[in-house]
């Protein structure tokens, strides 16, 4: 998924979050991963946000867009170590 995003395919990132459905913990985990991917290169994220300006998943995938409060580490898996990035 990370490679697809870095190659400009924001739809792969959108699907990565969407398939979590209403499992909110999983959605947050996936948004955290996307934040890490965007820290490397966010061109795909900017394209996604422009294409779907009202998409909350795109907004929460923006690095620094939300506070990791008590009980959340704020540290997502590194894209290089995550099985989701391939």
C-alpha atoms as a PDB file:
ATOM      1  CA  UNK A   1       0.000   0.000   0.000  1.00  0.00           C
ATOM      2  CA  UNK A   2       2.791   2.453   0.818  1.00  0.00           C
ATOM      3  CA  UNK A   3       4.526   1.838  -2.493  1.00  0.00           C
ATOM      4  CA  UNK A   4       1.243   2.358  -4.349  1.00  0.00           C
ATOM      5  CA  UNK A   5       0.663   5.634  -2.497  1.00  0.00           C
ATOM      6  CA  UNK A   6       4.198   6.864  -3.129  1.00  0.00           C
ATOM      7  CA  UNK A   7       3.624   6.053  -6.807  1.00  0.00           C
ATOM      8  CA  UNK A   8       0.574   8.335  -6.786  1.00  0.00           C
ATOM      9  CA  UNK A   9      -2.216   5.807  -6.172  1.00  0.00           C
ATOM     10  CA  UNK A  10      -4.113   7.450  -3.303  1.00  0.00           C
ATOM     11  CA  UNK A  11      -7.009   5.045  -3.888  1.00  0.00           C
ATOM     12  CA  UNK A  12      -4.927   2.242  -2.373  1.00  0.00           C
ATOM     13  CA  UNK A  13      -4.581   4.285   0.818  1.00  0.00           C
ATOM     14  CA  UNK A  14      -8.292   5.145   0.803  1.00  0.00           C
ATOM     15  CA  UNK A  15      -9.207   1.455   0.437  1.00  0.00           C
ATOM     16  CA  UNK A  16      -6.732   0.508   3.180  1.00  0.00           C
ATOM     17  CA  UNK A  17      -8.712   2.591   5.676  1.00  0.00           C
ATOM     18  CA  UNK A  18     -12.180   1.917   4.253  1.00  0.00           C
ATOM     19  CA  UNK A  19     -11.934  -1.879   4.574  1.00  0.00           C
ATOM     20  CA  UNK A  20     -11.634  -1.480   8.357  1.00  0.00           C
ATOM     21  CA  UNK A  21     -15.340  -0.613   8.286  1.00  0.00           C
ATOM     22  CA  UNK A  22     -16.691   0.418  11.654  1.00  0.00           C
ATOM     23  CA  UNK A  23     -13.842  -1.126  13.628  1.00  0.00           C
ATOM     24  CA  UNK A  24     -12.727   2.279  14.891  1.00  0.00           C
ATOM     25  CA  UNK A  25      -9.574   1.062  16.598  1.00  0.00           C
ATOM     26  CA  UNK A  26      -8.485  -0.522  13.323  1.00  0.00           C
ATOM     27  CA  UNK A  27      -9.370   2.634  11.374  1.00  0.00           C
ATOM     28  CA  UNK A  28      -7.213   4.735  13.734  1.00  0.00           C
ATOM     29  CA  UNK A  29      -4.378   2.245  13.442  1.00  0.00           C
ATOM     30  CA  UNK A  30      -4.575   2.428   9.660  1.00  0.00           C
ATOM     31  CA  UNK A  31      -4.745   6.236   9.721  1.00  0.00           C
ATOM     32  CA  UNK A  32      -1.601   6.237  11.873  1.00  0.00           C
ATOM     33  CA  UNK A  33       0.148   4.081   9.296  1.00  0.00           C
ATOM     34  CA  UNK A  34      -0.921   6.451   6.519  1.00  0.00           C
ATOM     35  CA  UNK A  35       0.467   9.368   8.516  1.00  0.00           C
ATOM     36  CA  UNK A  36       3.826   7.620   8.597  1.00  0.00           C
ATOM     37  CA  UNK A  37       3.645   6.956   4.856  1.00  0.00           C
ATOM     38  CA  UNK A  38       2.785  10.626   4.242  1.00  0.00           C
ATOM     39  CA  UNK A  39       5.751  11.775   6.329  1.00  0.00           C
ATOM     40  CA  UNK A  40       8.015  10.204   3.694  1.00  0.00           C
ATOM     41  CA  UNK A  41       6.167  11.783   0.742  1.00  0.00           C
ATOM     42  CA  UNK A  42       2.698  13.319   0.917  1.00  0.00           C
ATOM     43  CA  UNK A  43       2.025  14.085  -2.760  1.00  0.00           C
ATOM     44  CA  UNK A  44      -0.472  11.198  -2.912  1.00  0.00           C
ATOM     45  CA  UNK A  45      -2.250  12.546   0.182  1.00  0.00           C
ATOM     46  CA  UNK A  46      -2.502  16.052  -1.243  1.00  0.00           C
ATOM     47  CA  UNK A  47      -4.001  14.571  -4.423  1.00  0.00           C
ATOM     48  CA  UNK A  48      -6.496  12.539  -2.358  1.00  0.00           C
ATOM     49  CA  UNK A  49      -7.520  15.572  -0.313  1.00  0.00           C
ATOM     50  CA  UNK A  50      -7.988  17.637  -3.484  1.00  0.00           C
ATOM     51  CA  UNK A  51     -10.055  14.875  -5.126  1.00  0.00           C
ATOM     52  CA  UNK A  52     -12.198  14.259  -2.040  1.00  0.00           C
ATOM     53  CA  UNK A  53     -12.073  17.389   0.135  1.00  0.00           C
ATOM     54  CA  UNK A  54     -14.792  16.114   2.475  1.00  0.00           C
ATOM     55  CA  UNK A  55     -13.192  12.722   3.094  1.00  0.00           C
ATOM     56  CA  UNK A  56     -12.545  12.388   6.824  1.00  0.00           C
ATOM     57  CA  UNK A  57     -10.139   9.496   6.301  1.00  0.00           C
ATOM     58  CA  UNK A  58      -7.920  11.712   4.158  1.00  0.00           C
ATOM     59  CA  UNK A  59      -8.064  14.444   6.787  1.00  0.00           C
ATOM     60  CA  UNK A  60      -7.131  12.118   9.648  1.00  0.00           C
ATOM     61  CA  UNK A  61      -4.317  10.608   7.577  1.00  0.00           C
ATOM     62  CA  UNK A  62      -2.599  13.991   7.418  1.00  0.00           C
ATOM     63  CA  UNK A  63       0.475  13.980   9.690  1.00  0.00           C
ATOM     64  CA  UNK A  64      -0.129  16.072  12.796  1.00  0.00           C
ATOM     65  CA  UNK A  65      -3.884  16.244  12.191  1.00  0.00           C
ATOM     66  CA  UNK A  66      -4.855  14.844  15.581  1.00  0.00           C
ATOM     67  CA  UNK A  67      -3.549  14.450  19.075  1.00  0.00           C
ATOM     68  CA  UNK A  68      -2.625  11.060  20.426  1.00  0.00           C
ATOM     69  CA  UNK A  69      -3.969  11.337  23.933  1.00  0.00           C
ATOM     70  CA  UNK A  70      -3.702   9.042  26.943  1.00  0.00           C
ATOM     71  CA  UNK A  71      -3.814   5.395  26.003  1.00  0.00           C
ATOM     72  CA  UNK A  72      -2.540   6.005  22.470  1.00  0.00           C
ATOM     73  CA  UNK A  73       1.149   5.867  21.787  1.00  0.00           C
ATOM     74  CA  UNK A  74       1.009   8.024  18.674  1.00  0.00           C
ATOM     75  CA  UNK A  75       3.629   5.790  17.118  1.00  0.00           C
ATOM     76  CA  UNK A  76       2.579   3.895  14.040  1.00  0.00           C
ATOM     77  CA  UNK A  77       4.486   1.041  12.546  1.00  0.00           C
ATOM     78  CA  UNK A  78       7.253   2.163  10.283  1.00  0.00           C
ATOM     79  CA  UNK A  79       6.311   1.582   6.637  1.00  0.00           C
ATOM     80  CA  UNK A  80       9.550  -0.331   6.183  1.00  0.00           C
ATOM     81  CA  UNK A  81       8.594  -2.800   8.933  1.00  0.00           C
ATOM     82  CA  UNK A  82       4.869  -3.069   8.345  1.00  0.00           C
ATOM     83  CA  UNK A  83       3.401  -6.008   6.413  1.00  0.00           C
ATOM     84  CA  UNK A  84       0.767  -3.592   5.073  1.00  0.00           C
ATOM     85  CA  UNK A  85       3.235  -1.578   2.979  1.00  0.00           C
ATOM     86  CA  UNK A  86       4.032  -4.083   0.259  1.00  0.00           C
END
